PDB file of all heavy atoms in Angstrom:
ATOM      1  N   ASN A   1      -7.583   1.273 -24.521  1.00  0.00           N
ATOM      2  CA  ASN A   1      -7.551   2.712 -24.792  1.00  0.00           C
ATOM      3  C   ASN A   1      -6.406   3.422 -24.082  1.00  0.00           C
ATOM      4  O   ASN A   1      -6.307   4.652 -24.136  1.00  0.00           O
ATOM      5  CB  ASN A   1      -8.877   3.351 -24.372  1.00  0.00           C
ATOM      6  CG  ASN A   1     -10.050   2.796 -25.153  1.00  0.00           C
ATOM      7  OD1 ASN A   1      -9.977   2.647 -26.378  1.00  0.00           O
ATOM      8  ND2 ASN A   1     -11.139   2.490 -24.455  1.00  0.00           N
ATOM      9  N   GLY A   2      -5.592   2.671 -23.412  1.00  0.00           N
ATOM     10  CA  GLY A   2      -4.446   3.259 -22.736  1.00  0.00           C
ATOM     11  C   GLY A   2      -4.739   3.772 -21.346  1.00  0.00           C
ATOM     12  O   GLY A   2      -3.894   4.446 -20.740  1.00  0.00           O
ATOM     13  N   ASN A   3      -5.917   3.463 -20.819  1.00  0.00           N
ATOM     14  CA  ASN A   3      -6.260   3.905 -19.468  1.00  0.00           C
ATOM     15  C   ASN A   3      -5.719   2.926 -18.431  1.00  0.00           C
ATOM     16  O   ASN A   3      -5.809   1.702 -18.608  1.00  0.00           O
ATOM     17  CB  ASN A   3      -7.776   4.000 -19.314  1.00  0.00           C
ATOM     18  CG  ASN A   3      -8.383   5.001 -20.269  1.00  0.00           C
ATOM     19  OD1 ASN A   3      -7.900   6.127 -20.407  1.00  0.00           O
ATOM     20  ND2 ASN A   3      -9.452   4.600 -20.956  1.00  0.00           N
ATOM     21  N   VAL A   4      -5.169   3.449 -17.362  1.00  0.00           N
ATOM     22  CA  VAL A   4      -4.642   2.606 -16.288  1.00  0.00           C
ATOM     23  C   VAL A   4      -5.803   1.941 -15.553  1.00  0.00           C
ATOM     24  O   VAL A   4      -6.720   2.612 -15.072  1.00  0.00           O
ATOM     25  CB  VAL A   4      -3.800   3.436 -15.306  1.00  0.00           C
ATOM     26  CG1 VAL A   4      -3.319   2.561 -14.140  1.00  0.00           C
ATOM     27  CG2 VAL A   4      -2.606   4.066 -16.027  1.00  0.00           C
ATOM     28  N   THR A   5      -5.781   0.628 -15.477  1.00  0.00           N
ATOM     29  CA  THR A   5      -6.866  -0.112 -14.820  1.00  0.00           C
ATOM     30  C   THR A   5      -6.403  -0.861 -13.570  1.00  0.00           C
ATOM     31  O   THR A   5      -7.239  -1.225 -12.738  1.00  0.00           O
ATOM     32  CB  THR A   5      -7.479  -1.135 -15.786  1.00  0.00           C
ATOM     33  OG1 THR A   5      -6.447  -2.034 -16.231  1.00  0.00           O
ATOM     34  CG2 THR A   5      -8.105  -0.440 -16.990  1.00  0.00           C
ATOM     35  N   GLU A   6      -5.097  -1.094 -13.458  1.00  0.00           N
ATOM     36  CA  GLU A   6      -4.609  -1.902 -12.337  1.00  0.00           C
ATOM     37  C   GLU A   6      -3.118  -1.669 -12.160  1.00  0.00           C
ATOM     38  O   GLU A   6      -2.397  -1.418 -13.127  1.00  0.00           O
ATOM     39  CB  GLU A   6      -4.880  -3.384 -12.644  1.00  0.00           C
ATOM     40  CG  GLU A   6      -4.618  -4.354 -11.503  1.00  0.00           C
ATOM     41  CD  GLU A   6      -5.092  -5.767 -11.867  1.00  0.00           C
ATOM     42  OE1 GLU A   6      -6.310  -5.943 -12.048  1.00  0.00           O
ATOM     43  OE2 GLU A   6      -4.236  -6.672 -11.992  1.00  0.00           O
ATOM     44  N   LEU A   7      -2.685  -1.730 -10.905  1.00  0.00           N
ATOM     45  CA  LEU A   7      -1.260  -1.631 -10.600  1.00  0.00           C
ATOM     46  C   LEU A   7      -0.810  -2.917  -9.920  1.00  0.00           C
ATOM     47  O   LEU A   7      -1.552  -3.486  -9.120  1.00  0.00           O
ATOM     48  CB  LEU A   7      -0.990  -0.452  -9.654  1.00  0.00           C
ATOM     49  CG  LEU A   7      -1.429   0.944 -10.117  1.00  0.00           C
ATOM     50  CD1 LEU A   7      -1.129   1.963  -9.027  1.00  0.00           C
ATOM     51  CD2 LEU A   7      -0.739   1.339 -11.423  1.00  0.00           C
ATOM     52  N   HIS A   8       0.366  -3.382 -10.279  1.00  0.00           N
ATOM     53  CA  HIS A   8       0.974  -4.519  -9.590  1.00  0.00           C
ATOM     54  C   HIS A   8       2.116  -3.994  -8.735  1.00  0.00           C
ATOM     55  O   HIS A   8       3.024  -3.314  -9.232  1.00  0.00           O
ATOM     56  CB  HIS A   8       1.475  -5.560 -10.590  1.00  0.00           C
ATOM     57  CG  HIS A   8       0.342  -6.312 -11.239  1.00  0.00           C
ATOM     58  ND1 HIS A   8       0.540  -7.354 -12.122  1.00  0.00           N
ATOM     59  CD2 HIS A   8      -1.008  -6.192 -11.116  1.00  0.00           C
ATOM     60  CE1 HIS A   8      -0.637  -7.822 -12.525  1.00  0.00           C
ATOM     61  NE2 HIS A   8      -1.584  -7.133 -11.922  1.00  0.00           N
ATOM     62  N   CYS A   9       2.046  -4.293  -7.454  1.00  0.00           N
ATOM     63  CA  CYS A   9       3.017  -3.783  -6.497  1.00  0.00           C
ATOM     64  C   CYS A   9       3.545  -4.932  -5.642  1.00  0.00           C
ATOM     65  O   CYS A   9       2.981  -6.034  -5.628  1.00  0.00           O
ATOM     66  CB  CYS A   9       2.391  -2.723  -5.590  1.00  0.00           C
ATOM     67  SG  CYS A   9       1.726  -1.289  -6.454  1.00  0.00           S
ATOM     68  N   THR A  10       4.600  -4.632  -4.923  1.00  0.00           N
ATOM     69  CA  THR A  10       5.095  -5.564  -3.907  1.00  0.00           C
ATOM     70  C   THR A  10       5.126  -4.827  -2.567  1.00  0.00           C
ATOM     71  O   THR A  10       5.215  -3.594  -2.527  1.00  0.00           O
ATOM     72  CB  THR A  10       6.503  -6.071  -4.239  1.00  0.00           C
ATOM     73  OG1 THR A  10       7.358  -4.950  -4.529  1.00  0.00           O
ATOM     74  CG2 THR A  10       6.478  -6.997  -5.441  1.00  0.00           C
ATOM     75  N   TYR A  11       5.019  -5.602  -1.483  1.00  0.00           N
ATOM     76  CA  TYR A  11       5.072  -4.977  -0.163  1.00  0.00           C
ATOM     77  C   TYR A  11       6.263  -5.520   0.602  1.00  0.00           C
ATOM     78  O   TYR A  11       6.808  -6.593   0.295  1.00  0.00           O
ATOM     79  CB  TYR A  11       3.773  -5.227   0.592  1.00  0.00           C
ATOM     80  CG  TYR A  11       3.716  -6.508   1.404  1.00  0.00           C
ATOM     81  CD1 TYR A  11       3.609  -6.483   2.795  1.00  0.00           C
ATOM     82  CD2 TYR A  11       3.783  -7.769   0.787  1.00  0.00           C
ATOM     83  CE1 TYR A  11       3.546  -7.655   3.540  1.00  0.00           C
ATOM     84  CE2 TYR A  11       3.726  -8.932   1.528  1.00  0.00           C
ATOM     85  CZ  TYR A  11       3.604  -8.873   2.914  1.00  0.00           C
ATOM     86  OH  TYR A  11       3.557 -10.030   3.644  1.00  0.00           O
ATOM     87  N   ASP A  12       6.688  -4.765   1.610  1.00  0.00           N
ATOM     88  CA  ASP A  12       7.790  -5.194   2.471  1.00  0.00           C
ATOM     89  C   ASP A  12       7.209  -5.527   3.832  1.00  0.00           C
ATOM     90  O   ASP A  12       6.784  -4.633   4.575  1.00  0.00           O
ATOM     91  CB  ASP A  12       8.817  -4.060   2.596  1.00  0.00           C
ATOM     92  CG  ASP A  12      10.024  -4.463   3.430  1.00  0.00           C
ATOM     93  OD1 ASP A  12       9.963  -5.519   4.097  1.00  0.00           O
ATOM     94  OD2 ASP A  12      11.013  -3.704   3.443  1.00  0.00           O
ATOM     95  N   PRO A  13       7.154  -6.810   4.218  1.00  0.00           N
ATOM     96  CA  PRO A  13       6.528  -7.212   5.492  1.00  0.00           C
ATOM     97  C   PRO A  13       7.247  -6.645   6.717  1.00  0.00           C
ATOM     98  O   PRO A  13       6.676  -6.638   7.814  1.00  0.00           O
ATOM     99  CB  PRO A  13       6.591  -8.742   5.464  1.00  0.00           C
ATOM    100  CG  PRO A  13       7.630  -9.078   4.450  1.00  0.00           C
ATOM    101  CD  PRO A  13       7.633  -7.978   3.449  1.00  0.00           C
ATOM    102  N   GLU A  14       8.506  -6.180   6.542  1.00  0.00           N
ATOM    103  CA  GLU A  14       9.249  -5.629   7.682  1.00  0.00           C
ATOM    104  C   GLU A  14       8.754  -4.226   8.064  1.00  0.00           C
ATOM    105  O   GLU A  14       9.103  -3.723   9.126  1.00  0.00           O
ATOM    106  CB  GLU A  14      10.755  -5.562   7.341  1.00  0.00           C
ATOM    107  CG  GLU A  14      11.379  -6.902   7.032  1.00  0.00           C
ATOM    108  CD  GLU A  14      11.361  -7.826   8.250  1.00  0.00           C
ATOM    109  OE1 GLU A  14      11.591  -7.302   9.379  1.00  0.00           O
ATOM    110  OE2 GLU A  14      11.103  -9.025   8.084  1.00  0.00           O
ATOM    111  N   THR A  15       7.956  -3.608   7.187  1.00  0.00           N
ATOM    112  CA  THR A  15       7.605  -2.182   7.374  1.00  0.00           C
ATOM    113  C   THR A  15       6.226  -1.990   7.985  1.00  0.00           C
ATOM    114  O   THR A  15       5.638  -0.907   7.878  1.00  0.00           O
ATOM    115  CB  THR A  15       7.659  -1.460   6.018  1.00  0.00           C
ATOM    116  OG1 THR A  15       6.695  -2.067   5.126  1.00  0.00           O
ATOM    117  CG2 THR A  15       9.039  -1.528   5.401  1.00  0.00           C
ATOM    118  N   LYS A  16       5.709  -2.997   8.614  1.00  0.00           N
ATOM    119  CA  LYS A  16       4.363  -2.908   9.167  1.00  0.00           C
ATOM    120  C   LYS A  16       4.231  -1.726  10.120  1.00  0.00           C
ATOM    121  O   LYS A  16       5.091  -1.483  10.961  1.00  0.00           O
ATOM    122  CB  LYS A  16       4.018  -4.205   9.902  1.00  0.00           C
ATOM    123  CG  LYS A  16       2.575  -4.273  10.398  1.00  0.00           C
ATOM    124  CD  LYS A  16       2.281  -5.636  11.012  1.00  0.00           C
ATOM    125  CE  LYS A  16       0.842  -5.740  11.481  1.00  0.00           C
ATOM    126  NZ  LYS A  16       0.528  -7.073  12.050  1.00  0.00           N
ATOM    127  N   SER A  17       3.129  -1.003   9.972  1.00  0.00           N
ATOM    128  CA  SER A  17       2.868   0.155  10.822  1.00  0.00           C
ATOM    129  C   SER A  17       2.818  -0.259  12.288  1.00  0.00           C
ATOM    130  O   SER A  17       2.182  -1.259  12.638  1.00  0.00           O
ATOM    131  CB  SER A  17       1.532   0.798  10.429  1.00  0.00           C
ATOM    132  OG  SER A  17       1.264   1.924  11.225  1.00  0.00           O
ATOM    133  N   GLY A  18       3.514   0.490  13.129  1.00  0.00           N
ATOM    134  CA  GLY A  18       3.538   0.198  14.554  1.00  0.00           C
ATOM    135  C   GLY A  18       4.613  -0.774  14.963  1.00  0.00           C
ATOM    136  O   GLY A  18       4.780  -1.048  16.155  1.00  0.00           O
ATOM    137  N   SER A  19       5.374  -1.305  13.997  1.00  0.00           N
ATOM    138  CA  SER A  19       6.412  -2.301  14.313  1.00  0.00           C
ATOM    139  C   SER A  19       7.712  -1.652  14.767  1.00  0.00           C
ATOM    140  O   SER A  19       8.610  -2.346  15.256  1.00  0.00           O
ATOM    141  CB  SER A  19       6.699  -3.165  13.076  1.00  0.00           C
ATOM    142  OG  SER A  19       7.266  -2.370  12.032  1.00  0.00           O
ATOM    143  N   GLY A  20       7.841  -0.344  14.578  1.00  0.00           N
ATOM    144  CA  GLY A  20       9.083   0.342  14.937  1.00  0.00           C
ATOM    145  C   GLY A  20      10.120   0.328  13.838  1.00  0.00           C
ATOM    146  O   GLY A  20      11.283   0.685  14.080  1.00  0.00           O
ATOM    147  N   PHE A  21       9.761  -0.064  12.640  1.00  0.00           N
ATOM    148  CA  PHE A  21      10.714  -0.118  11.522  1.00  0.00           C
ATOM    149  C   PHE A  21      11.290   1.267  11.233  1.00  0.00           C
ATOM    150  O   PHE A  21      10.562   2.243  11.090  1.00  0.00           O
ATOM    151  CB  PHE A  21      10.014  -0.668  10.273  1.00  0.00           C
ATOM    152  CG  PHE A  21      10.878  -0.662   9.045  1.00  0.00           C
ATOM    153  CD1 PHE A  21      11.828  -1.659   8.851  1.00  0.00           C
ATOM    154  CD2 PHE A  21      10.768   0.353   8.097  1.00  0.00           C
ATOM    155  CE1 PHE A  21      12.639  -1.655   7.722  1.00  0.00           C
ATOM    156  CE2 PHE A  21      11.578   0.359   6.972  1.00  0.00           C
ATOM    157  CZ  PHE A  21      12.512  -0.652   6.786  1.00  0.00           C
ATOM    158  N   THR A  22      12.636   1.344  11.154  1.00  0.00           N
ATOM    159  CA  THR A  22      13.312   2.610  10.860  1.00  0.00           C
ATOM    160  C   THR A  22      14.357   2.460   9.766  1.00  0.00           C
ATOM    161  O   THR A  22      15.192   3.330   9.564  1.00  0.00           O
ATOM    162  CB  THR A  22      13.992   3.164  12.127  1.00  0.00           C
ATOM    163  OG1 THR A  22      14.920   2.177  12.628  1.00  0.00           O
ATOM    164  CG2 THR A  22      12.965   3.499  13.209  1.00  0.00           C
ATOM    165  N   GLY A  23      14.326   1.348   9.033  1.00  0.00           N
ATOM    166  CA  GLY A  23      15.360   1.059   8.052  1.00  0.00           C
ATOM    167  C   GLY A  23      15.434   2.073   6.928  1.00  0.00           C
ATOM    168  O   GLY A  23      16.522   2.356   6.403  1.00  0.00           O
ATOM    169  N   ARG A  24      14.305   2.633   6.523  1.00  0.00           N
ATOM    170  CA  ARG A  24      14.292   3.662   5.469  1.00  0.00           C
ATOM    171  C   ARG A  24      12.987   4.442   5.602  1.00  0.00           C
ATOM    172  O   ARG A  24      12.048   4.014   6.275  1.00  0.00           O
ATOM    173  CB  ARG A  24      14.412   3.047   4.075  1.00  0.00           C
ATOM    174  CG  ARG A  24      13.277   2.100   3.700  1.00  0.00           C
ATOM    175  CD  ARG A  24      13.563   1.401   2.368  1.00  0.00           C
ATOM    176  NE  ARG A  24      12.472   0.532   1.954  1.00  0.00           N
ATOM    177  CZ  ARG A  24      12.268  -0.695   2.406  1.00  0.00           C
ATOM    178  NH1 ARG A  24      13.127  -1.199   3.285  1.00  0.00           N
ATOM    179  NH2 ARG A  24      11.251  -1.407   1.977  1.00  0.00           N
ATOM    180  N   LYS A  25      12.938   5.577   4.968  1.00  0.00           N
ATOM    181  CA  LYS A  25      11.755   6.419   5.052  1.00  0.00           C
ATOM    182  C   LYS A  25      11.166   6.649   3.670  1.00  0.00           C
ATOM    183  O   LYS A  25      11.867   6.608   2.658  1.00  0.00           O
ATOM    184  CB  LYS A  25      12.109   7.763   5.697  1.00  0.00           C
ATOM    185  CG  LYS A  25      12.523   7.652   7.161  1.00  0.00           C
ATOM    186  CD  LYS A  25      12.790   9.031   7.765  1.00  0.00           C
ATOM    187  CE  LYS A  25      13.157   8.914   9.237  1.00  0.00           C
ATOM    188  NZ  LYS A  25      13.406  10.257   9.838  1.00  0.00           N
ATOM    189  N   VAL A  26       9.858   6.872   3.666  1.00  0.00           N
ATOM    190  CA  VAL A  26       9.179   7.260   2.424  1.00  0.00           C
ATOM    191  C   VAL A  26       8.445   8.572   2.688  1.00  0.00           C
ATOM    192  O   VAL A  26       8.099   8.896   3.827  1.00  0.00           O
ATOM    193  CB  VAL A  26       8.180   6.179   1.954  1.00  0.00           C
ATOM    194  CG1 VAL A  26       8.918   4.917   1.529  1.00  0.00           C
ATOM    195  CG2 VAL A  26       7.156   5.870   3.036  1.00  0.00           C
ATOM    196  N   LYS A  27       8.216   9.340   1.621  1.00  0.00           N
ATOM    197  CA  LYS A  27       7.612  10.664   1.798  1.00  0.00           C
ATOM    198  C   LYS A  27       6.100  10.685   1.585  1.00  0.00           C
ATOM    199  O   LYS A  27       5.443  11.647   1.958  1.00  0.00           O
ATOM    200  CB  LYS A  27       8.278  11.652   0.835  1.00  0.00           C
ATOM    201  CG  LYS A  27       9.738  11.918   1.167  1.00  0.00           C
ATOM    202  CD  LYS A  27      10.320  12.994   0.257  1.00  0.00           C
ATOM    203  CE  LYS A  27      11.746  13.343   0.663  1.00  0.00           C
ATOM    204  NZ  LYS A  27      12.336  14.398  -0.202  1.00  0.00           N
ATOM    205  N   GLY A  28       5.567   9.644   0.989  1.00  0.00           N
ATOM    206  CA  GLY A  28       4.133   9.636   0.702  1.00  0.00           C
ATOM    207  C   GLY A  28       3.379   8.602   1.510  1.00  0.00           C
ATOM    208  O   GLY A  28       3.853   7.473   1.686  1.00  0.00           O
ATOM    209  N   THR A  29       2.214   8.985   2.027  1.00  0.00           N
ATOM    210  CA  THR A  29       1.326   8.051   2.728  1.00  0.00           C
ATOM    211  C   THR A  29      -0.021   8.066   2.037  1.00  0.00           C
ATOM    212  O   THR A  29      -0.640   9.125   1.882  1.00  0.00           O
ATOM    213  CB  THR A  29       1.152   8.441   4.207  1.00  0.00           C
ATOM    214  OG1 THR A  29       2.428   8.390   4.854  1.00  0.00           O
ATOM    215  CG2 THR A  29       0.191   7.486   4.896  1.00  0.00           C
ATOM    216  N   LEU A  30      -0.482   6.893   1.604  1.00  0.00           N
ATOM    217  CA  LEU A  30      -1.758   6.780   0.904  1.00  0.00           C
ATOM    218  C   LEU A  30      -2.772   6.040   1.760  1.00  0.00           C
ATOM    219  O   LEU A  30      -2.420   5.154   2.528  1.00  0.00           O
ATOM    220  CB  LEU A  30      -1.581   6.013  -0.417  1.00  0.00           C
ATOM    221  CG  LEU A  30      -0.469   6.434  -1.374  1.00  0.00           C
ATOM    222  CD1 LEU A  30      -0.572   5.631  -2.669  1.00  0.00           C
ATOM    223  CD2 LEU A  30      -0.514   7.915  -1.649  1.00  0.00           C
ATOM    224  N   HIS A  31      -4.016   6.393   1.602  1.00  0.00           N
ATOM    225  CA  HIS A  31      -5.072   5.606   2.239  1.00  0.00           C
ATOM    226  C   HIS A  31      -5.553   4.560   1.239  1.00  0.00           C
ATOM    227  O   HIS A  31      -5.297   4.649   0.036  1.00  0.00           O
ATOM    228  CB  HIS A  31      -6.220   6.505   2.707  1.00  0.00           C
ATOM    229  CG  HIS A  31      -6.982   7.159   1.605  1.00  0.00           C
ATOM    230  ND1 HIS A  31      -6.537   8.301   0.953  1.00  0.00           N
ATOM    231  CD2 HIS A  31      -8.168   6.849   1.020  1.00  0.00           C
ATOM    232  CE1 HIS A  31      -7.414   8.660   0.038  1.00  0.00           C
ATOM    233  NE2 HIS A  31      -8.409   7.786   0.045  1.00  0.00           N
ATOM    234  N   PHE A  32      -6.283   3.556   1.736  1.00  0.00           N
ATOM    235  CA  PHE A  32      -6.706   2.442   0.886  1.00  0.00           C
ATOM    236  C   PHE A  32      -7.927   1.795   1.497  1.00  0.00           C
ATOM    237  O   PHE A  32      -8.288   2.023   2.659  1.00  0.00           O
ATOM    238  CB  PHE A  32      -5.576   1.409   0.757  1.00  0.00           C
ATOM    239  CG  PHE A  32      -5.355   0.626   2.021  1.00  0.00           C
ATOM    240  CD1 PHE A  32      -5.940  -0.630   2.208  1.00  0.00           C
ATOM    241  CD2 PHE A  32      -4.576   1.152   3.059  1.00  0.00           C
ATOM    242  CE1 PHE A  32      -5.756  -1.339   3.389  1.00  0.00           C
ATOM    243  CE2 PHE A  32      -4.392   0.444   4.239  1.00  0.00           C
ATOM    244  CZ  PHE A  32      -4.982  -0.807   4.406  1.00  0.00           C
ATOM    245  N   VAL A  33      -8.562   0.938   0.731  1.00  0.00           N
ATOM    246  CA  VAL A  33      -9.631   0.077   1.227  1.00  0.00           C
ATOM    247  C   VAL A  33      -9.373  -1.322   0.688  1.00  0.00           C
ATOM    248  O   VAL A  33      -9.153  -1.509  -0.517  1.00  0.00           O
ATOM    249  CB  VAL A  33     -11.025   0.575   0.781  1.00  0.00           C
ATOM    250  CG1 VAL A  33     -12.104  -0.427   1.186  1.00  0.00           C
ATOM    251  CG2 VAL A  33     -11.337   1.937   1.404  1.00  0.00           C
ATOM    252  N   GLU A  34      -9.364  -2.294   1.596  1.00  0.00           N
ATOM    253  CA  GLU A  34      -9.139  -3.686   1.189  1.00  0.00           C
ATOM    254  C   GLU A  34     -10.298  -4.159   0.313  1.00  0.00           C
ATOM    255  O   GLU A  34     -11.467  -3.897   0.608  1.00  0.00           O
ATOM    256  CB  GLU A  34      -9.007  -4.546   2.446  1.00  0.00           C
ATOM    257  CG  GLU A  34      -8.498  -5.959   2.184  1.00  0.00           C
ATOM    258  CD  GLU A  34      -9.626  -6.932   1.853  1.00  0.00           C
ATOM    259  OE1 GLU A  34     -10.744  -6.724   2.371  1.00  0.00           O
ATOM    260  OE2 GLU A  34      -9.395  -7.873   1.072  1.00  0.00           O
ATOM    261  N   ALA A  35      -9.987  -4.881  -0.783  1.00  0.00           N
ATOM    262  CA  ALA A  35     -10.975  -5.136  -1.836  1.00  0.00           C
ATOM    263  C   ALA A  35     -12.018  -6.190  -1.470  1.00  0.00           C
ATOM    264  O   ALA A  35     -13.205  -6.026  -1.772  1.00  0.00           O
ATOM    265  CB  ALA A  35     -10.267  -5.531  -3.128  1.00  0.00           C
ATOM    266  N   SER A  36     -11.623  -7.282  -0.834  1.00  0.00           N
ATOM    267  CA  SER A  36     -12.548  -8.402  -0.679  1.00  0.00           C
ATOM    268  C   SER A  36     -13.706  -8.083   0.272  1.00  0.00           C
ATOM    269  O   SER A  36     -14.790  -8.658   0.155  1.00  0.00           O
ATOM    270  CB  SER A  36     -11.795  -9.640  -0.186  1.00  0.00           C
ATOM    271  OG  SER A  36     -11.359  -9.474   1.153  1.00  0.00           O
ATOM    272  N   GLN A  37     -13.482  -7.191   1.227  1.00  0.00           N
ATOM    273  CA  GLN A  37     -14.526  -6.875   2.206  1.00  0.00           C
ATOM    274  C   GLN A  37     -15.029  -5.427   2.113  1.00  0.00           C
ATOM    275  O   GLN A  37     -15.789  -4.976   2.956  1.00  0.00           O
ATOM    276  CB  GLN A  37     -14.013  -7.148   3.616  1.00  0.00           C
ATOM    277  CG  GLN A  37     -13.624  -8.621   3.795  1.00  0.00           C
ATOM    278  CD  GLN A  37     -13.387  -8.986   5.238  1.00  0.00           C
ATOM    279  OE1 GLN A  37     -14.175  -8.642   6.108  1.00  0.00           O
ATOM    280  NE2 GLN A  37     -12.291  -9.695   5.485  1.00  0.00           N
ATOM    281  N   ALA A  38     -14.595  -4.730   1.091  1.00  0.00           N
ATOM    282  CA  ALA A  38     -15.008  -3.339   0.914  1.00  0.00           C
ATOM    283  C   ALA A  38     -16.515  -3.248   0.663  1.00  0.00           C
ATOM    284  O   ALA A  38     -17.113  -4.149   0.057  1.00  0.00           O
ATOM    285  CB  ALA A  38     -14.246  -2.721  -0.251  1.00  0.00           C
ATOM    286  N   LYS A  39     -17.121  -2.168   1.124  1.00  0.00           N
ATOM    287  CA  LYS A  39     -18.535  -1.901   0.896  1.00  0.00           C
ATOM    288  C   LYS A  39     -18.673  -0.809  -0.167  1.00  0.00           C
ATOM    289  O   LYS A  39     -18.031   0.233  -0.063  1.00  0.00           O
ATOM    290  CB  LYS A  39     -19.222  -1.451   2.196  1.00  0.00           C
ATOM    291  CG  LYS A  39     -19.125  -2.465   3.328  1.00  0.00           C
ATOM    292  CD  LYS A  39     -19.858  -3.754   2.972  1.00  0.00           C
ATOM    293  CE  LYS A  39     -19.758  -4.770   4.094  1.00  0.00           C
ATOM    294  NZ  LYS A  39     -20.408  -6.063   3.746  1.00  0.00           N
ATOM    295  N   GLU A  40     -19.506  -1.094  -1.151  1.00  0.00           N
ATOM    296  CA  GLU A  40     -19.743  -0.073  -2.171  1.00  0.00           C
ATOM    297  C   GLU A  40     -20.494   1.096  -1.554  1.00  0.00           C
ATOM    298  O   GLU A  40     -21.332   0.924  -0.676  1.00  0.00           O
ATOM    299  CB  GLU A  40     -20.542  -0.653  -3.339  1.00  0.00           C
ATOM    300  CG  GLU A  40     -19.777  -1.686  -4.147  1.00  0.00           C
ATOM    301  CD  GLU A  40     -20.551  -2.127  -5.388  1.00  0.00           C
ATOM    302  OE1 GLU A  40     -21.552  -1.451  -5.734  1.00  0.00           O
ATOM    303  OE2 GLU A  40     -20.157  -3.131  -5.994  1.00  0.00           O
TER     304      GLU A  40
END
């Protein structure tokens, strides 16, 4: 029906939070919940 059901993304392992990475900046921060251990 044309509804978005899933997104495929890639991550950059160099950008881990708290690592001090300053190579580039992004303007948006999203929250998330990891799928395999998430609680309904």
